[in-house]
Amino acid sequence: MSDTIHIQIDRADGSLQRLIGLVERRGFHIDGMSMADEGPSRRIALTVRGRDAARSIDNLGCQIDRLFGVARIGAPAYQSEAA
């Protein structure tokens, strides 16, 4: 099953690389990503799926929230999709 997380991220050097690295280190595959520039920030829709059933999208969301210059946006913060 894939989940889409909507994120707002600063356009600072290395911010996108830190986000992608975190997702991969936490045991998720990135199935798709779309970005839109909005002045000093970017909006990202990141579609991810866990490498195994033990991976929790909620835990990944909490880790993303801890990154400097990154915030999940929208209601809900993520949405599930059938794989």
PDB file of N, CA and C in Angstrom:
ATOM      1  N   MET A   1       0.835  -1.164   0.000  1.00  0.00           N
ATOM      2  CA  MET A   1       0.000   0.000   0.000  1.00  0.00           C
ATOM      3  C   MET A   1       0.889   1.239   0.000  1.00  0.00           C
ATOM      4  N   SER A   2       0.514   2.219  -0.781  1.00  0.00           N
ATOM      5  CA  SER A   2       1.243   3.481  -0.863  1.00  0.00           C
ATOM      6  C   SER A   2       0.508   4.556  -0.092  1.00  0.00           C
ATOM      7  N   ASP A   3       1.267   5.503   0.434  1.00  0.00           N
ATOM      8  CA  ASP A   3       0.708   6.649   1.135  1.00  0.00           C
ATOM      9  C   ASP A   3       1.303   7.909   0.525  1.00  0.00           C
ATOM     10  N   THR A   4       0.498   8.962   0.448  1.00  0.00           N
ATOM     11  CA  THR A   4       0.978  10.245  -0.050  1.00  0.00           C
ATOM     12  C   THR A   4       1.045  11.219   1.105  1.00  0.00           C
ATOM     13  N   ILE A   5       2.213  11.808   1.285  1.00  0.00           N
ATOM     14  CA  ILE A   5       2.436  12.791   2.330  1.00  0.00           C
ATOM     15  C   ILE A   5       2.629  14.135   1.654  1.00  0.00           C
ATOM     16  N   HIS A   6       1.886  15.136   2.102  1.00  0.00           N
ATOM     17  CA  HIS A   6       1.999  16.486   1.557  1.00  0.00           C
ATOM     18  C   HIS A   6       2.883  17.304   2.489  1.00  0.00           C
ATOM     19  N   ILE A   7       3.910  17.914   1.906  1.00  0.00           N
ATOM     20  CA  ILE A   7       4.961  18.549   2.686  1.00  0.00           C
ATOM     21  C   ILE A   7       5.233  19.946   2.138  1.00  0.00           C
ATOM     22  N   GLN A   8       5.536  20.865   3.041  1.00  0.00           N
ATOM     23  CA  GLN A   8       6.070  22.164   2.651  1.00  0.00           C
ATOM     24  C   GLN A   8       7.499  22.213   3.163  1.00  0.00           C
ATOM     25  N   ILE A   9       8.439  22.572   2.284  1.00  0.00           N
ATOM     26  CA  ILE A   9       9.859  22.530   2.622  1.00  0.00           C
ATOM     27  C   ILE A   9      10.524  23.823   2.176  1.00  0.00           C
ATOM     28  N   ASP A  10      11.433  24.327   2.990  1.00  0.00           N
ATOM     29  CA  ASP A  10      12.212  25.508   2.629  1.00  0.00           C
ATOM     30  C   ASP A  10      13.097  25.183   1.433  1.00  0.00           C
ATOM     31  N   ARG A  11      13.426  26.216   0.662  1.00  0.00           N
ATOM     32  CA  ARG A  11      14.286  26.019  -0.496  1.00  0.00           C
ATOM     33  C   ARG A  11      15.757  26.173  -0.134  1.00  0.00           C
ATOM     34  N   ALA A  12      16.124  25.816   1.058  1.00  0.00           N
ATOM     35  CA  ALA A  12      17.521  25.903   1.516  1.00  0.00           C
ATOM     36  C   ALA A  12      18.357  24.827   0.842  1.00  0.00           C
ATOM     37  N   ASP A  13      19.667  25.084   0.764  1.00  0.00           N
ATOM     38  CA  ASP A  13      20.588  24.101   0.190  1.00  0.00           C
ATOM     39  C   ASP A  13      20.493  22.779   0.946  1.00  0.00           C
ATOM     40  N   GLY A  14      20.308  21.699   0.213  1.00  0.00           N
ATOM     41  CA  GLY A  14      20.306  20.366   0.806  1.00  0.00           C
ATOM     42  C   GLY A  14      19.009  19.928   1.449  1.00  0.00           C
ATOM     43  N   SER A  15      17.979  20.780   1.463  1.00  0.00           N
ATOM     44  CA  SER A  15      16.736  20.420   2.161  1.00  0.00           C
ATOM     45  C   SER A  15      16.040  19.223   1.520  1.00  0.00           C
ATOM     46  N   LEU A  16      15.990  19.182   0.212  1.00  0.00           N
ATOM     47  CA  LEU A  16      15.350  18.061  -0.475  1.00  0.00           C
ATOM     48  C   LEU A  16      16.154  16.780  -0.281  1.00  0.00           C
ATOM     49  N   GLN A  17      17.454  16.894  -0.316  1.00  0.00           N
ATOM     50  CA  GLN A  17      18.324  15.731  -0.094  1.00  0.00           C
ATOM     51  C   GLN A  17      18.138  15.171   1.314  1.00  0.00           C
ATOM     52  N   ARG A  18      18.004  16.043   2.325  1.00  0.00           N
ATOM     53  CA  ARG A  18      17.770  15.574   3.702  1.00  0.00           C
ATOM     54  C   ARG A  18      16.436  14.844   3.805  1.00  0.00           C
ATOM     55  N   LEU A  19      15.408  15.362   3.144  1.00  0.00           N
ATOM     56  CA  LEU A  19      14.092  14.724   3.175  1.00  0.00           C
ATOM     57  C   LEU A  19      14.137  13.335   2.540  1.00  0.00           C
ATOM     58  N   ILE A  20      14.703  13.240   1.361  1.00  0.00           N
ATOM     59  CA  ILE A  20      14.776  11.953   0.660  1.00  0.00           C
ATOM     60  C   ILE A  20      15.622  10.958   1.452  1.00  0.00           C
ATOM     61  N   GLY A  21      16.731  11.407   2.005  1.00  0.00           N
ATOM     62  CA  GLY A  21      17.584  10.533   2.808  1.00  0.00           C
ATOM     63  C   GLY A  21      16.856   9.993   4.025  1.00  0.00           C
ATOM     64  N   LEU A  22      16.088  10.842   4.686  1.00  0.00           N
ATOM     65  CA  LEU A  22      15.326  10.410   5.857  1.00  0.00           C
ATOM     66  C   LEU A  22      14.314   9.331   5.482  1.00  0.00           C
ATOM     67  N   VAL A  23      13.579   9.555   4.404  1.00  0.00           N
ATOM     68  CA  VAL A  23      12.563   8.588   3.972  1.00  0.00           C
ATOM     69  C   VAL A  23      13.206   7.232   3.690  1.00  0.00           C
ATOM     70  N   GLU A  24      14.325   7.238   3.003  1.00  0.00           N
ATOM     71  CA  GLU A  24      14.991   5.974   2.680  1.00  0.00           C
ATOM     72  C   GLU A  24      15.579   5.309   3.916  1.00  0.00           C
ATOM     73  N   ARG A  25      16.175   6.087   4.816  1.00  0.00           N
ATOM     74  CA  ARG A  25      16.757   5.498   6.039  1.00  0.00           C
ATOM     75  C   ARG A  25      15.681   4.894   6.940  1.00  0.00           C
ATOM     76  N   ARG A  26      14.475   5.418   6.897  1.00  0.00           N
ATOM     77  CA  ARG A  26      13.386   4.917   7.729  1.00  0.00           C
ATOM     78  C   ARG A  26      12.700   3.708   7.116  1.00  0.00           C
ATOM     79  N   GLY A  27      13.208   3.211   5.991  1.00  0.00           N
ATOM     80  CA  GLY A  27      12.704   1.965   5.422  1.00  0.00           C
ATOM     81  C   GLY A  27      11.533   2.121   4.473  1.00  0.00           C
ATOM     82  N   PHE A  28      11.486   3.223   3.742  1.00  0.00           N
ATOM     83  CA  PHE A  28      10.412   3.451   2.781  1.00  0.00           C
ATOM     84  C   PHE A  28      10.989   3.622   1.381  1.00  0.00           C
ATOM     85  N   HIS A  29      10.221   3.166   0.392  1.00  0.00           N
ATOM     86  CA  HIS A  29      10.545   3.387  -1.014  1.00  0.00           C
ATOM     87  C   HIS A  29       9.753   4.603  -1.473  1.00  0.00           C
ATOM     88  N   ILE A  30      10.348   5.433  -2.295  1.00  0.00           N
ATOM     89  CA  ILE A  30       9.644   6.576  -2.881  1.00  0.00           C
ATOM     90  C   ILE A  30       9.103   6.128  -4.229  1.00  0.00           C
ATOM     91  N   ASP A  31       7.768   6.082  -4.340  1.00  0.00           N
ATOM     92  CA  ASP A  31       7.128   5.657  -5.581  1.00  0.00           C
ATOM     93  C   ASP A  31       6.851   6.826  -6.515  1.00  0.00           C
ATOM     94  N   GLY A  32       6.748   8.026  -5.971  1.00  0.00           N
ATOM     95  CA  GLY A  32       6.491   9.190  -6.802  1.00  0.00           C
ATOM     96  C   GLY A  32       6.639  10.472  -6.010  1.00  0.00           C
ATOM     97  N   MET A  33       6.944  11.552  -6.741  1.00  0.00           N
ATOM     98  CA  MET A  33       7.086  12.838  -6.081  1.00  0.00           C
ATOM     99  C   MET A  33       6.742  13.928  -7.083  1.00  0.00           C
ATOM    100  N   SER A  34       5.966  14.907  -6.627  1.00  0.00           N
ATOM    101  CA  SER A  34       5.712  16.085  -7.446  1.00  0.00           C
ATOM    102  C   SER A  34       5.995  17.311  -6.592  1.00  0.00           C
ATOM    103  N   MET A  35       6.546  18.345  -7.242  1.00  0.00           N
ATOM    104  CA  MET A  35       6.926  19.559  -6.519  1.00  0.00           C
ATOM    105  C   MET A  35       6.376  20.772  -7.239  1.00  0.00           C
ATOM    106  N   ALA A  36       6.087  21.808  -6.439  1.00  0.00           N
ATOM    107  CA  ALA A  36       5.689  23.108  -6.976  1.00  0.00           C
ATOM    108  C   ALA A  36       6.377  24.180  -6.144  1.00  0.00           C
ATOM    109  N   ASP A  37       7.090  25.094  -6.813  1.00  0.00           N
ATOM    110  CA  ASP A  37       7.752  26.183  -6.110  1.00  0.00           C
ATOM    111  C   ASP A  37       6.730  27.236  -5.705  1.00  0.00           C
ATOM    112  N   GLU A  38       6.885  27.731  -4.487  1.00  0.00           N
ATOM    113  CA  GLU A  38       6.014  28.772  -3.953  1.00  0.00           C
ATOM    114  C   GLU A  38       6.870  29.804  -3.227  1.00  0.00           C
ATOM    115  N   GLY A  39       7.580  30.630  -3.987  1.00  0.00           N
ATOM    116  CA  GLY A  39       8.434  31.637  -3.376  1.00  0.00           C
ATOM    117  C   GLY A  39       9.590  31.006  -2.628  1.00  0.00           C
ATOM    118  N   PRO A  40       9.684  31.256  -1.315  1.00  0.00           N
ATOM    119  CA  PRO A  40      10.819  30.734  -0.546  1.00  0.00           C
ATOM    120  C   PRO A  40      10.671  29.257  -0.139  1.00  0.00           C
ATOM    121  N   SER A  41       9.590  28.626  -0.521  1.00  0.00           N
ATOM    122  CA  SER A  41       9.375  27.227  -0.141  1.00  0.00           C
ATOM    123  C   SER A  41       8.885  26.424  -1.336  1.00  0.00           C
ATOM    124  N   ARG A  42       8.782  25.118  -1.123  1.00  0.00           N
ATOM    125  CA  ARG A  42       8.252  24.198  -2.130  1.00  0.00           C
ATOM    126  C   ARG A  42       7.152  23.370  -1.499  1.00  0.00           C
ATOM    127  N   ARG A  43       6.160  23.034  -2.272  1.00  0.00           N
ATOM    128  CA  ARG A  43       5.146  22.063  -1.849  1.00  0.00           C
ATOM    129  C   ARG A  43       5.472  20.754  -2.549  1.00  0.00           C
ATOM    130  N   ILE A  44       5.476  19.698  -1.760  1.00  0.00           N
ATOM    131  CA  ILE A  44       5.842  18.383  -2.285  1.00  0.00           C
ATOM    132  C   ILE A  44       4.740  17.387  -1.936  1.00  0.00           C
ATOM    133  N   ALA A  45       4.342  16.590  -2.918  1.00  0.00           N
ATOM    134  CA  ALA A  45       3.476  15.435  -2.682  1.00  0.00           C
ATOM    135  C   ALA A  45       4.369  14.219  -2.874  1.00  0.00           C
ATOM    136  N   LEU A  46       4.634  13.509  -1.784  1.00  0.00           N
ATOM    137  CA  LEU A  46       5.576  12.395  -1.775  1.00  0.00           C
ATOM    138  C   LEU A  46       4.797  11.097  -1.563  1.00  0.00           C
ATOM    139  N   THR A  47       4.847  10.208  -2.544  1.00  0.00           N
ATOM    140  CA  THR A  47       4.163   8.913  -2.450  1.00  0.00           C
ATOM    141  C   THR A  47       5.186   7.865  -2.046  1.00  0.00           C
ATOM    142  N   VAL A  48       4.935   7.227  -0.907  1.00  0.00           N
ATOM    143  CA  VAL A  48       5.885   6.268  -0.346  1.00  0.00           C
ATOM    144  C   VAL A  48       5.189   4.966   0.015  1.00  0.00           C
ATOM    145  N   ARG A  49       5.999   3.905   0.128  1.00  0.00           N
ATOM    146  CA  ARG A  49       5.495   2.620   0.645  1.00  0.00           C
ATOM    147  C   ARG A  49       6.612   1.990   1.451  1.00  0.00           C
ATOM    148  N   GLY A  50       6.227   1.319   2.517  1.00  0.00           N
ATOM    149  CA  GLY A  50       7.204   0.681   3.387  1.00  0.00           C
ATOM    150  C   GLY A  50       7.842  -0.522   2.739  1.00  0.00           C
ATOM    151  N   ARG A  51       9.066  -0.805   3.123  1.00  0.00           N
ATOM    152  CA  ARG A  51       9.757  -1.997   2.600  1.00  0.00           C
ATOM    153  C   ARG A  51       9.121  -3.274   3.107  1.00  0.00           C
ATOM    154  N   ASP A  52       8.483  -3.184   4.288  1.00  0.00           N
ATOM    155  CA  ASP A  52       7.786  -4.336   4.848  1.00  0.00           C
ATOM    156  C   ASP A  52       6.603  -3.827   5.666  1.00  0.00           C
ATOM    157  N   ALA A  53       5.798  -4.760   6.169  1.00  0.00           N
ATOM    158  CA  ALA A  53       4.574  -4.404   6.896  1.00  0.00           C
ATOM    159  C   ALA A  53       4.846  -3.734   8.235  1.00  0.00           C
ATOM    160  N   ALA A  54       6.058  -3.839   8.742  1.00  0.00           N
ATOM    161  CA  ALA A  54       6.378  -3.248  10.041  1.00  0.00           C
ATOM    162  C   ALA A  54       6.581  -1.741   9.967  1.00  0.00           C
ATOM    163  N   ARG A  55       6.674  -1.177   8.775  1.00  0.00           N
ATOM    164  CA  ARG A  55       6.909   0.263   8.613  1.00  0.00           C
ATOM    165  C   ARG A  55       5.621   1.041   8.828  1.00  0.00           C
ATOM    166  N   SER A  56       5.690   2.074   9.657  1.00  0.00           N
ATOM    167  CA  SER A  56       4.518   2.877   9.993  1.00  0.00           C
ATOM    168  C   SER A  56       4.617   4.262   9.361  1.00  0.00           C
ATOM    169  N   ILE A  57       3.608   4.635   8.598  1.00  0.00           N
ATOM    170  CA  ILE A  57       3.575   5.950   7.976  1.00  0.00           C
ATOM    171  C   ILE A  57       3.474   7.043   9.039  1.00  0.00           C
ATOM    172  N   ASP A  58       2.836   6.738  10.163  1.00  0.00           N
ATOM    173  CA  ASP A  58       2.738   7.718  11.246  1.00  0.00           C
ATOM    174  C   ASP A  58       4.109   8.034  11.830  1.00  0.00           C
ATOM    175  N   ASN A  59       4.932   7.008  12.021  1.00  0.00           N
ATOM    176  CA  ASN A  59       6.294   7.228  12.526  1.00  0.00           C
ATOM    177  C   ASN A  59       7.126   8.030  11.532  1.00  0.00           C
ATOM    178  N   LEU A  60       6.964   7.729  10.252  1.00  0.00           N
ATOM    179  CA  LEU A  60       7.678   8.495   9.234  1.00  0.00           C
ATOM    180  C   LEU A  60       7.246   9.958   9.283  1.00  0.00           C
ATOM    181  N   GLY A  61       5.959  10.201   9.424  1.00  0.00           N
ATOM    182  CA  GLY A  61       5.459  11.572   9.509  1.00  0.00           C
ATOM    183  C   GLY A  61       6.054  12.330  10.679  1.00  0.00           C
ATOM    184  N   CYS A  62       6.164  11.681  11.817  1.00  0.00           N
ATOM    185  CA  CYS A  62       6.769  12.319  12.995  1.00  0.00           C
ATOM    186  C   CYS A  62       8.231  12.657  12.745  1.00  0.00           C
ATOM    187  N   GLN A  63       8.950  11.769  12.065  1.00  0.00           N
ATOM    188  CA  GLN A  63      10.344  12.032  11.739  1.00  0.00           C
ATOM    189  C   GLN A  63      10.468  13.198  10.757  1.00  0.00           C
ATOM    190  N   ILE A  64       9.581  13.263   9.785  1.00  0.00           N
ATOM    191  CA  ILE A  64       9.588  14.374   8.829  1.00  0.00           C
ATOM    192  C   ILE A  64       9.338  15.690   9.548  1.00  0.00           C
ATOM    193  N   ASP A  65       8.413  15.684  10.503  1.00  0.00           N
ATOM    194  CA  ASP A  65       8.107  16.904  11.253  1.00  0.00           C
ATOM    195  C   ASP A  65       9.319  17.439  12.012  1.00  0.00           C
ATOM    196  N   ARG A  66      10.262  16.567  12.356  1.00  0.00           N
ATOM    197  CA  ARG A  66      11.451  16.980  13.109  1.00  0.00           C
ATOM    198  C   ARG A  66      12.536  17.615  12.246  1.00  0.00           C
ATOM    199  N   LEU A  67      12.440  17.440  10.934  1.00  0.00           N
ATOM    200  CA  LEU A  67      13.442  18.032  10.055  1.00  0.00           C
ATOM    201  C   LEU A  67      13.328  19.552  10.071  1.00  0.00           C
ATOM    202  N   PHE A  68      14.452  20.230  10.082  1.00  0.00           N
ATOM    203  CA  PHE A  68      14.474  21.687  10.073  1.00  0.00           C
ATOM    204  C   PHE A  68      13.957  22.200   8.726  1.00  0.00           C
ATOM    205  N   GLY A  69      13.014  23.121   8.769  1.00  0.00           N
ATOM    206  CA  GLY A  69      12.484  23.728   7.553  1.00  0.00           C
ATOM    207  C   GLY A  69      11.464  22.896   6.813  1.00  0.00           C
ATOM    208  N   VAL A  70      10.937  21.851   7.459  1.00  0.00           N
ATOM    209  CA  VAL A  70       9.985  20.951   6.817  1.00  0.00           C
ATOM    210  C   VAL A  70       8.733  20.840   7.671  1.00  0.00           C
ATOM    211  N   ALA A  71       7.563  20.826   7.038  1.00  0.00           N
ATOM    212  CA  ALA A  71       6.303  20.636   7.759  1.00  0.00           C
ATOM    213  C   ALA A  71       5.324  19.882   6.872  1.00  0.00           C
ATOM    214  N   ARG A  72       4.611  18.930   7.471  1.00  0.00           N
ATOM    215  CA  ARG A  72       3.522  18.278   6.734  1.00  0.00           C
ATOM    216  C   ARG A  72       2.373  19.269   6.661  1.00  0.00           C
ATOM    217  N   ILE A  73       1.652  19.252   5.556  1.00  0.00           N
ATOM    218  CA  ILE A  73       0.537  20.178   5.381  1.00  0.00           C
ATOM    219  C   ILE A  73      -0.704  19.425   4.926  1.00  0.00           C
ATOM    220  N   GLY A  74      -1.823  20.116   4.960  1.00  0.00           N
ATOM    221  CA  GLY A  74      -3.066  19.532   4.477  1.00  0.00           C
ATOM    222  C   GLY A  74      -3.793  18.786   5.561  1.00  0.00           C
ATOM    223  N   ALA A  75      -5.037  18.470   5.270  1.00  0.00           N
ATOM    224  CA  ALA A  75      -5.853  17.685   6.193  1.00  0.00           C
ATOM    225  C   ALA A  75      -6.526  16.597   5.380  1.00  0.00           C
ATOM    226  N   PRO A  76      -6.221  15.351   5.586  1.00  0.00           N
ATOM    227  CA  PRO A  76      -5.276  14.805   6.548  1.00  0.00           C
ATOM    228  C   PRO A  76      -3.842  15.021   6.086  1.00  0.00           C
ATOM    229  N   ALA A  77      -2.878  14.772   6.965  1.00  0.00           N
ATOM    230  CA  ALA A  77      -1.471  14.985   6.659  1.00  0.00           C
ATOM    231  C   ALA A  77      -0.984  13.986   5.603  1.00  0.00           C
ATOM    232  N   TYR A  78      -1.637  12.835   5.509  1.00  0.00           N
ATOM    233  CA  TYR A  78      -1.300  11.870   4.466  1.00  0.00           C
ATOM    234  C   TYR A  78      -2.573  11.156   4.073  1.00  0.00           C
ATOM    235  N   GLN A  79      -2.551  10.523   2.916  1.00  0.00           N
ATOM    236  CA  GLN A  79      -3.700   9.759   2.477  1.00  0.00           C
ATOM    237  C   GLN A  79      -3.230   8.431   1.904  1.00  0.00           C
ATOM    238  N   SER A  80      -3.946   7.386   2.219  1.00  0.00           N
ATOM    239  CA  SER A  80      -3.582   6.050   1.747  1.00  0.00           C
ATOM    240  C   SER A  80      -4.137   5.819   0.353  1.00  0.00           C
ATOM    241  N   GLU A  81      -3.399   5.023  -0.408  1.00  0.00           N
ATOM    242  CA  GLU A  81      -3.828   4.640  -1.743  1.00  0.00           C
ATOM    243  C   GLU A  81      -3.650   3.155  -1.893  1.00  0.00           C
ATOM    244  N   ALA A  82      -4.504   2.531  -2.649  1.00  0.00           N
ATOM    245  CA  ALA A  82      -4.348   1.103  -2.934  1.00  0.00           C
ATOM    246  C   ALA A  82      -3.148   0.902  -3.835  1.00  0.00           C
ATOM    247  N   ALA A  83      -2.361  -0.090  -3.552  1.00  0.00           N
ATOM    248  CA  ALA A  83      -1.140  -0.321  -4.350  1.00  0.00           C
ATOM    249  C   ALA A  83      -1.481  -1.027  -5.640  1.00  0.00           C
TER     250      ALA A  83
END
